[in-house]
Amino acid sequence: MKKIVIIAVLILMCVPSLFGALRLGVEIGNPSVVLIVRPEPFDIKIGWNFEQSFVGHGRNFLHVSADYRIVDAYRLIDFLHFFLGLGAYAQVYTGDETTFGIGGRVPVGLNVFLVNKTIEFFIEYAFNITFIPAFGLDTQGQGYVGITIKTPW
């Protein structure tokens, strides 16, 4: 177990040199709470949806997604930027019957950078296509409001 942890830490330390800047953050939306690791231009997220716990209906689930930002921080006006990505997601549902879902994502959003691009505030909506359990367009999608911070590494 210790070897796996050491290898994971070494890989994470190398990520910025392989991809560019590394941003860490959190977002709130659907799913409820998501942690972000963004070795630019990739966007990796893991989160939990508390829908059943908070509103009494729906299902709780673990959410994992990975996106590639095709357009990243394209300046629209002075401080406002645009991004567009392409990626995939997986969800593992909890409850009486544990099932899972897999699909594709097309995230679009607006972001604002502060303090020499160290702090980022953003709003994002991801159009989803489900592959499993059934092929189709997910009309609910995934939407977030969040913040990331650029790491010094």
N, C-alpha and C. Protein backbone atom coordinates (compact mmCIF):
# COMPACT_ATOMS: atom_id res chain seq x y z
N MET A 1 0.83 -1.20 0.00
CA MET A 1 0.00 0.00 0.00
C MET A 1 0.87 1.25 0.00
N LYS A 2 1.95 1.23 0.80
CA LYS A 2 2.83 2.40 0.86
C LYS A 2 3.46 2.68 -0.49
N LYS A 3 3.80 1.61 -1.24
CA LYS A 3 4.40 1.80 -2.56
C LYS A 3 3.43 2.48 -3.51
N ILE A 4 2.16 2.12 -3.45
CA ILE A 4 1.15 2.72 -4.32
C ILE A 4 1.00 4.20 -4.00
N VAL A 5 0.98 4.56 -2.72
CA VAL A 5 0.85 5.96 -2.32
C VAL A 5 2.07 6.75 -2.79
N ILE A 6 3.26 6.20 -2.63
CA ILE A 6 4.48 6.89 -3.05
C ILE A 6 4.47 7.10 -4.57
N ILE A 7 4.08 6.09 -5.32
CA ILE A 7 4.02 6.21 -6.78
C ILE A 7 2.98 7.25 -7.18
N ALA A 8 1.81 7.27 -6.54
CA ALA A 8 0.77 8.25 -6.85
C ALA A 8 1.25 9.67 -6.57
N VAL A 9 1.95 9.88 -5.46
CA VAL A 9 2.48 11.20 -5.12
C VAL A 9 3.51 11.64 -6.15
N LEU A 10 4.39 10.74 -6.56
CA LEU A 10 5.40 11.08 -7.57
C LEU A 10 4.76 11.44 -8.90
N ILE A 11 3.73 10.72 -9.28
CA ILE A 11 3.03 11.02 -10.53
C ILE A 11 2.38 12.40 -10.45
N LEU A 12 1.70 12.69 -9.33
CA LEU A 12 1.05 14.00 -9.17
C LEU A 12 2.07 15.13 -9.16
N MET A 13 3.27 14.88 -8.64
CA MET A 13 4.30 15.92 -8.64
C MET A 13 4.82 16.19 -10.05
N CYS A 14 4.75 15.19 -10.92
CA CYS A 14 5.23 15.34 -12.30
C CYS A 14 4.18 15.93 -13.22
N VAL A 15 2.92 15.90 -12.82
CA VAL A 15 1.83 16.34 -13.69
C VAL A 15 2.04 17.76 -14.23
N PRO A 16 2.39 18.75 -13.41
CA PRO A 16 2.55 20.10 -13.95
C PRO A 16 3.63 20.17 -15.03
N SER A 17 4.72 19.45 -14.85
CA SER A 17 5.78 19.52 -15.85
C SER A 17 5.37 18.82 -17.14
N LEU A 18 4.46 17.85 -17.06
CA LEU A 18 4.00 17.15 -18.26
C LEU A 18 2.96 17.94 -19.03
N PHE A 19 2.06 18.60 -18.35
CA PHE A 19 0.92 19.23 -19.00
C PHE A 19 0.91 20.75 -18.93
N GLY A 20 1.56 21.35 -18.00
CA GLY A 20 1.47 22.78 -17.81
C GLY A 20 1.03 23.07 -16.39
N ALA A 21 0.33 24.17 -16.19
CA ALA A 21 -0.09 24.59 -14.85
C ALA A 21 -1.08 23.60 -14.25
N LEU A 22 -1.06 23.49 -12.94
CA LEU A 22 -2.00 22.64 -12.22
C LEU A 22 -2.91 23.52 -11.38
N ARG A 23 -4.21 23.31 -11.53
CA ARG A 23 -5.21 24.05 -10.76
C ARG A 23 -5.99 23.06 -9.92
N LEU A 24 -6.33 23.45 -8.69
CA LEU A 24 -7.15 22.65 -7.80
C LEU A 24 -8.35 23.48 -7.40
N GLY A 25 -9.51 22.83 -7.23
CA GLY A 25 -10.68 23.61 -6.89
C GLY A 25 -11.87 22.77 -6.50
N VAL A 26 -12.99 23.46 -6.38
CA VAL A 26 -14.26 22.84 -6.00
C VAL A 26 -15.38 23.53 -6.77
N GLU A 27 -16.43 22.76 -7.06
CA GLU A 27 -17.59 23.34 -7.71
C GLU A 27 -18.86 22.78 -7.10
N ILE A 28 -19.92 23.56 -7.20
CA ILE A 28 -21.21 23.18 -6.62
C ILE A 28 -22.24 23.24 -7.74
N GLY A 29 -23.12 22.24 -7.78
CA GLY A 29 -24.15 22.21 -8.81
C GLY A 29 -24.77 20.84 -8.92
N ASN A 30 -24.78 20.29 -10.11
CA ASN A 30 -25.32 18.95 -10.35
C ASN A 30 -24.25 18.13 -11.05
N PRO A 31 -23.60 17.20 -10.38
CA PRO A 31 -23.70 16.70 -9.02
C PRO A 31 -23.40 17.78 -7.97
N SER A 32 -23.81 17.49 -6.74
CA SER A 32 -23.82 18.50 -5.67
C SER A 32 -22.46 19.13 -5.39
N VAL A 33 -21.45 18.32 -5.06
CA VAL A 33 -20.13 18.83 -4.70
C VAL A 33 -19.08 18.05 -5.47
N VAL A 34 -18.20 18.78 -6.15
CA VAL A 34 -17.20 18.14 -7.00
C VAL A 34 -15.83 18.76 -6.73
N LEU A 35 -14.82 17.93 -6.58
CA LEU A 35 -13.43 18.38 -6.46
C LEU A 35 -12.81 18.36 -7.85
N ILE A 36 -11.97 19.35 -8.13
CA ILE A 36 -11.38 19.51 -9.45
C ILE A 36 -9.87 19.40 -9.36
N VAL A 37 -9.28 18.64 -10.28
CA VAL A 37 -7.85 18.64 -10.51
C VAL A 37 -7.69 18.95 -11.98
N ARG A 38 -7.02 20.05 -12.29
CA ARG A 38 -6.94 20.49 -13.68
C ARG A 38 -5.49 20.69 -14.11
N PRO A 39 -4.87 19.60 -14.57
CA PRO A 39 -3.57 19.80 -15.23
C PRO A 39 -3.87 20.29 -16.64
N GLU A 40 -3.67 21.58 -16.88
CA GLU A 40 -4.09 22.18 -18.15
C GLU A 40 -3.53 21.42 -19.33
N PRO A 41 -4.29 21.10 -20.35
CA PRO A 41 -5.65 21.51 -20.68
C PRO A 41 -6.71 20.49 -20.28
N PHE A 42 -6.39 19.57 -19.38
CA PHE A 42 -7.34 18.55 -18.96
C PHE A 42 -8.13 19.02 -17.74
N ASP A 43 -9.28 18.41 -17.52
CA ASP A 43 -10.16 18.77 -16.41
C ASP A 43 -10.66 17.46 -15.81
N ILE A 44 -10.17 17.09 -14.63
CA ILE A 44 -10.54 15.83 -13.99
C ILE A 44 -11.34 16.16 -12.74
N LYS A 45 -12.50 15.51 -12.60
CA LYS A 45 -13.41 15.82 -11.50
C LYS A 45 -13.89 14.56 -10.82
N ILE A 46 -14.05 14.65 -9.49
CA ILE A 46 -14.66 13.58 -8.73
C ILE A 46 -15.59 14.22 -7.71
N GLY A 47 -16.81 13.70 -7.62
CA GLY A 47 -17.77 14.34 -6.73
C GLY A 47 -18.86 13.39 -6.27
N TRP A 48 -19.75 13.94 -5.47
CA TRP A 48 -20.85 13.17 -4.90
C TRP A 48 -22.13 13.98 -5.06
N ASN A 49 -23.20 13.32 -5.48
CA ASN A 49 -24.49 13.98 -5.59
C ASN A 49 -25.36 13.59 -4.39
N PHE A 50 -25.83 14.58 -3.66
CA PHE A 50 -26.63 14.39 -2.46
C PHE A 50 -28.12 14.62 -2.72
N GLU A 51 -28.56 14.46 -3.94
CA GLU A 51 -29.94 14.80 -4.32
C GLU A 51 -30.97 14.13 -3.41
N GLN A 52 -30.85 12.84 -3.19
CA GLN A 52 -31.82 12.13 -2.36
C GLN A 52 -31.75 12.62 -0.91
N SER A 53 -30.56 12.88 -0.42
CA SER A 53 -30.39 13.33 0.96
C SER A 53 -30.99 14.71 1.19
N PHE A 54 -30.83 15.62 0.20
CA PHE A 54 -31.27 17.00 0.38
C PHE A 54 -32.75 17.22 0.04
N VAL A 55 -33.22 16.67 -1.06
CA VAL A 55 -34.58 16.97 -1.50
C VAL A 55 -35.54 15.80 -1.35
N GLY A 56 -35.04 14.65 -0.94
CA GLY A 56 -35.92 13.52 -0.65
C GLY A 56 -36.30 12.66 -1.83
N HIS A 57 -35.87 13.03 -3.03
CA HIS A 57 -36.13 12.18 -4.19
C HIS A 57 -34.86 12.16 -5.05
N GLY A 58 -34.84 11.33 -6.06
CA GLY A 58 -33.64 11.19 -6.87
C GLY A 58 -32.72 10.14 -6.25
N ARG A 59 -31.49 10.10 -6.70
CA ARG A 59 -30.54 9.10 -6.20
C ARG A 59 -29.21 9.75 -5.87
N ASN A 60 -28.57 9.24 -4.85
CA ASN A 60 -27.21 9.65 -4.54
C ASN A 60 -26.26 8.89 -5.44
N PHE A 61 -25.17 9.54 -5.87
CA PHE A 61 -24.20 8.83 -6.70
C PHE A 61 -22.82 9.47 -6.66
N LEU A 62 -21.83 8.65 -6.95
CA LEU A 62 -20.45 9.08 -7.12
C LEU A 62 -20.27 9.46 -8.58
N HIS A 63 -19.62 10.59 -8.83
CA HIS A 63 -19.44 11.10 -10.19
C HIS A 63 -17.95 11.28 -10.47
N VAL A 64 -17.50 10.79 -11.61
CA VAL A 64 -16.12 10.98 -12.06
C VAL A 64 -16.19 11.43 -13.51
N SER A 65 -15.44 12.48 -13.87
CA SER A 65 -15.42 12.91 -15.26
C SER A 65 -14.03 13.39 -15.64
N ALA A 66 -13.75 13.33 -16.92
CA ALA A 66 -12.48 13.82 -17.47
C ALA A 66 -12.78 14.50 -18.79
N ASP A 67 -12.29 15.73 -18.95
CA ASP A 67 -12.53 16.50 -20.16
C ASP A 67 -11.21 17.02 -20.71
N TYR A 68 -11.19 17.24 -22.00
CA TYR A 68 -10.09 17.93 -22.66
C TYR A 68 -10.63 19.26 -23.13
N ARG A 69 -10.00 20.35 -22.72
CA ARG A 69 -10.47 21.68 -23.12
C ARG A 69 -9.94 22.03 -24.50
N ILE A 70 -10.84 21.98 -25.48
CA ILE A 70 -10.49 22.31 -26.85
C ILE A 70 -10.18 23.80 -26.96
N VAL A 71 -11.03 24.61 -26.35
CA VAL A 71 -10.82 26.06 -26.26
C VAL A 71 -10.71 26.36 -24.77
N ASP A 72 -9.57 26.93 -24.36
CA ASP A 72 -9.35 27.19 -22.93
C ASP A 72 -9.01 28.66 -22.72
N ALA A 73 -9.81 29.34 -21.92
CA ALA A 73 -9.57 30.73 -21.54
C ALA A 73 -9.47 31.66 -22.75
N TYR A 74 -10.38 31.51 -23.69
CA TYR A 74 -10.45 32.41 -24.83
C TYR A 74 -11.05 33.74 -24.37
N ARG A 75 -10.32 34.82 -24.51
CA ARG A 75 -10.77 36.12 -24.01
C ARG A 75 -11.92 36.67 -24.84
N LEU A 76 -13.05 36.90 -24.17
CA LEU A 76 -14.21 37.51 -24.82
C LEU A 76 -14.15 39.03 -24.69
N ILE A 77 -14.05 39.48 -23.44
CA ILE A 77 -13.85 40.90 -23.15
C ILE A 77 -12.93 40.98 -21.94
N ASP A 78 -12.24 42.04 -21.83
CA ASP A 78 -11.29 42.34 -20.75
C ASP A 78 -10.98 41.17 -19.81
N PHE A 79 -11.84 40.88 -18.86
CA PHE A 79 -11.58 39.87 -17.83
C PHE A 79 -12.39 38.58 -18.02
N LEU A 80 -13.33 38.56 -18.96
CA LEU A 80 -14.23 37.43 -19.14
C LEU A 80 -13.71 36.50 -20.24
N HIS A 81 -13.61 35.21 -19.90
CA HIS A 81 -13.08 34.22 -20.83
C HIS A 81 -14.11 33.11 -21.08
N PHE A 82 -13.91 32.37 -22.17
CA PHE A 82 -14.79 31.29 -22.60
C PHE A 82 -14.00 30.00 -22.68
N PHE A 83 -14.65 28.86 -22.35
CA PHE A 83 -14.01 27.57 -22.57
C PHE A 83 -15.01 26.57 -23.13
N LEU A 84 -14.48 25.58 -23.86
CA LEU A 84 -15.26 24.53 -24.50
C LEU A 84 -14.44 23.25 -24.43
N GLY A 85 -15.08 22.17 -24.02
CA GLY A 85 -14.35 20.91 -23.89
C GLY A 85 -15.10 19.74 -24.48
N LEU A 86 -14.45 18.59 -24.40
CA LEU A 86 -15.02 17.33 -24.84
C LEU A 86 -14.51 16.26 -23.89
N GLY A 87 -15.41 15.43 -23.36
CA GLY A 87 -14.97 14.45 -22.39
C GLY A 87 -15.96 13.34 -22.15
N ALA A 88 -15.76 12.65 -21.03
CA ALA A 88 -16.60 11.51 -20.66
C ALA A 88 -16.84 11.54 -19.16
N TYR A 89 -17.88 10.83 -18.73
CA TYR A 89 -18.18 10.74 -17.31
C TYR A 89 -18.66 9.33 -16.96
N ALA A 90 -18.55 9.02 -15.68
CA ALA A 90 -19.08 7.77 -15.14
C ALA A 90 -19.74 8.09 -13.81
N GLN A 91 -20.85 7.42 -13.53
CA GLN A 91 -21.56 7.62 -12.27
C GLN A 91 -21.92 6.26 -11.69
N VAL A 92 -21.68 6.12 -10.38
CA VAL A 92 -22.05 4.89 -9.67
C VAL A 92 -23.13 5.27 -8.67
N TYR A 93 -24.33 4.73 -8.85
CA TYR A 93 -25.49 5.07 -8.02
C TYR A 93 -25.54 4.17 -6.79
N THR A 94 -26.00 4.74 -5.67
CA THR A 94 -26.16 3.97 -4.44
C THR A 94 -27.64 3.80 -4.15
N GLY A 95 -27.93 2.92 -3.24
CA GLY A 95 -29.31 2.69 -2.88
C GLY A 95 -29.62 1.22 -2.90
N ASP A 96 -30.91 0.89 -3.10
CA ASP A 96 -31.33 -0.51 -3.13
C ASP A 96 -30.61 -1.28 -4.23
N GLU A 97 -30.57 -0.71 -5.41
CA GLU A 97 -29.89 -1.34 -6.53
C GLU A 97 -28.72 -0.46 -6.94
N THR A 98 -27.51 -0.97 -6.80
CA THR A 98 -26.34 -0.21 -7.21
C THR A 98 -26.14 -0.42 -8.71
N THR A 99 -26.23 0.65 -9.47
CA THR A 99 -26.02 0.60 -10.92
C THR A 99 -25.04 1.69 -11.30
N PHE A 100 -24.70 1.75 -12.56
CA PHE A 100 -23.79 2.79 -13.00
C PHE A 100 -24.22 3.33 -14.35
N GLY A 101 -23.68 4.51 -14.66
CA GLY A 101 -23.95 5.15 -15.93
C GLY A 101 -22.66 5.65 -16.54
N ILE A 102 -22.57 5.64 -17.85
CA ILE A 102 -21.41 6.14 -18.57
C ILE A 102 -21.92 7.00 -19.72
N GLY A 103 -21.22 8.10 -19.99
CA GLY A 103 -21.65 8.96 -21.08
C GLY A 103 -20.58 9.92 -21.53
N GLY A 104 -20.92 10.73 -22.52
CA GLY A 104 -20.03 11.76 -23.04
C GLY A 104 -20.48 13.13 -22.57
N ARG A 105 -19.55 14.06 -22.53
CA ARG A 105 -19.83 15.43 -22.06
C ARG A 105 -19.28 16.45 -23.05
N VAL A 106 -20.00 17.57 -23.18
CA VAL A 106 -19.51 18.72 -23.91
C VAL A 106 -19.68 19.93 -22.99
N PRO A 107 -18.66 20.21 -22.15
CA PRO A 107 -18.77 21.34 -21.22
C PRO A 107 -18.46 22.68 -21.91
N VAL A 108 -19.29 23.67 -21.63
CA VAL A 108 -19.06 25.04 -22.09
C VAL A 108 -19.20 25.95 -20.88
N GLY A 109 -18.47 27.05 -20.88
CA GLY A 109 -18.58 27.91 -19.72
C GLY A 109 -17.85 29.23 -19.88
N LEU A 110 -18.00 30.04 -18.85
CA LEU A 110 -17.35 31.33 -18.75
C LEU A 110 -16.50 31.34 -17.49
N ASN A 111 -15.31 31.95 -17.58
CA ASN A 111 -14.49 32.07 -16.39
C ASN A 111 -13.85 33.45 -16.30
N VAL A 112 -13.55 33.83 -15.06
CA VAL A 112 -12.92 35.09 -14.74
C VAL A 112 -11.68 34.78 -13.92
N PHE A 113 -10.54 35.36 -14.32
CA PHE A 113 -9.29 35.14 -13.59
C PHE A 113 -8.93 36.39 -12.79
N LEU A 114 -8.44 36.17 -11.57
CA LEU A 114 -8.01 37.25 -10.69
C LEU A 114 -6.59 36.98 -10.20
N VAL A 115 -5.92 38.01 -9.75
CA VAL A 115 -4.59 37.95 -9.15
C VAL A 115 -3.63 37.20 -10.08
N ASN A 116 -3.35 37.77 -11.24
CA ASN A 116 -2.43 37.19 -12.23
C ASN A 116 -2.79 35.76 -12.60
N LYS A 117 -4.05 35.50 -12.81
CA LYS A 117 -4.59 34.18 -13.20
C LYS A 117 -4.38 33.12 -12.13
N THR A 118 -4.18 33.51 -10.88
CA THR A 118 -4.03 32.55 -9.79
C THR A 118 -5.38 32.00 -9.35
N ILE A 119 -6.39 32.86 -9.27
CA ILE A 119 -7.73 32.47 -8.83
C ILE A 119 -8.67 32.53 -10.03
N GLU A 120 -9.46 31.48 -10.19
CA GLU A 120 -10.43 31.43 -11.29
C GLU A 120 -11.82 31.19 -10.72
N PHE A 121 -12.78 32.01 -11.11
CA PHE A 121 -14.19 31.77 -10.83
C PHE A 121 -14.83 31.39 -12.15
N PHE A 122 -15.72 30.40 -12.13
CA PHE A 122 -16.32 29.98 -13.39
C PHE A 122 -17.75 29.50 -13.20
N ILE A 123 -18.46 29.47 -14.32
CA ILE A 123 -19.78 28.87 -14.42
C ILE A 123 -19.72 27.95 -15.64
N GLU A 124 -20.25 26.74 -15.48
CA GLU A 124 -20.14 25.73 -16.54
C GLU A 124 -21.44 24.96 -16.69
N TYR A 125 -21.74 24.60 -17.92
CA TYR A 125 -22.84 23.68 -18.19
C TYR A 125 -22.31 22.62 -19.15
N ALA A 126 -22.60 21.36 -18.86
CA ALA A 126 -22.15 20.26 -19.72
C ALA A 126 -23.35 19.57 -20.34
N PHE A 127 -23.38 19.56 -21.66
CA PHE A 127 -24.39 18.79 -22.39
C PHE A 127 -23.93 17.34 -22.37
N ASN A 128 -24.85 16.41 -22.05
CA ASN A 128 -24.47 15.01 -21.87
C ASN A 128 -25.21 14.09 -22.82
N ILE A 129 -24.49 13.06 -23.25
CA ILE A 129 -25.08 11.95 -24.01
C ILE A 129 -24.80 10.69 -23.20
N THR A 130 -25.84 9.98 -22.83
CA THR A 130 -25.64 8.75 -22.05
C THR A 130 -25.44 7.57 -23.00
N PHE A 131 -24.50 6.70 -22.62
CA PHE A 131 -24.24 5.47 -23.37
C PHE A 131 -24.76 4.26 -22.62
N ILE A 132 -24.59 4.28 -21.28
CA ILE A 132 -25.05 3.20 -20.41
C ILE A 132 -25.79 3.86 -19.25
N PRO A 133 -26.94 3.47 -18.85
CA PRO A 133 -27.67 2.25 -19.14
C PRO A 133 -28.42 2.26 -20.47
N ALA A 134 -28.71 3.43 -21.04
CA ALA A 134 -29.40 3.48 -22.33
C ALA A 134 -28.84 4.67 -23.12
N PHE A 135 -28.72 4.51 -24.42
CA PHE A 135 -28.21 5.58 -25.27
C PHE A 135 -29.26 6.67 -25.39
N GLY A 136 -28.83 7.92 -25.22
CA GLY A 136 -29.77 9.02 -25.37
C GLY A 136 -29.18 10.33 -24.89
N LEU A 137 -29.92 11.40 -25.10
CA LEU A 137 -29.52 12.73 -24.66
C LEU A 137 -30.01 12.94 -23.24
N ASP A 138 -29.10 13.33 -22.34
CA ASP A 138 -29.46 13.62 -20.95
C ASP A 138 -30.01 15.04 -20.89
N THR A 139 -31.30 15.19 -20.70
CA THR A 139 -31.92 16.51 -20.70
C THR A 139 -31.57 17.33 -19.47
N GLN A 140 -31.15 16.69 -18.38
CA GLN A 140 -30.80 17.42 -17.16
C GLN A 140 -29.41 18.04 -17.27
N GLY A 141 -28.46 17.37 -17.89
CA GLY A 141 -27.11 17.89 -18.02
C GLY A 141 -26.42 18.03 -16.68
N GLN A 142 -25.28 18.69 -16.71
CA GLN A 142 -24.51 18.94 -15.49
C GLN A 142 -24.10 20.41 -15.48
N GLY A 143 -24.43 21.13 -14.41
CA GLY A 143 -24.10 22.54 -14.32
C GLY A 143 -23.41 22.86 -13.02
N TYR A 144 -22.48 23.82 -13.08
CA TYR A 144 -21.68 24.13 -11.90
C TYR A 144 -21.37 25.61 -11.80
N VAL A 145 -21.08 26.02 -10.57
CA VAL A 145 -20.44 27.28 -10.25
C VAL A 145 -19.25 26.89 -9.39
N GLY A 146 -18.06 27.41 -9.71
CA GLY A 146 -16.91 26.95 -8.95
C GLY A 146 -15.75 27.92 -8.90
N ILE A 147 -14.70 27.46 -8.24
CA ILE A 147 -13.47 28.22 -8.07
C ILE A 147 -12.29 27.26 -8.14
N THR A 148 -11.21 27.72 -8.78
CA THR A 148 -9.95 26.96 -8.77
C THR A 148 -8.82 27.91 -8.39
N ILE A 149 -7.75 27.33 -7.89
CA ILE A 149 -6.56 28.08 -7.52
C ILE A 149 -5.36 27.43 -8.20
N LYS A 150 -4.54 28.22 -8.84
CA LYS A 150 -3.34 27.72 -9.50
C LYS A 150 -2.28 27.40 -8.46
N THR A 151 -1.74 26.19 -8.53
CA THR A 151 -0.72 25.79 -7.56
C THR A 151 0.63 26.39 -7.96
N PRO A 152 1.53 26.54 -7.01
CA PRO A 152 2.84 27.14 -7.32
C PRO A 152 3.81 26.18 -8.00
N TRP A 153 3.45 24.90 -8.18
CA TRP A 153 4.40 23.95 -8.78
C TRP A 153 4.40 24.09 -10.27
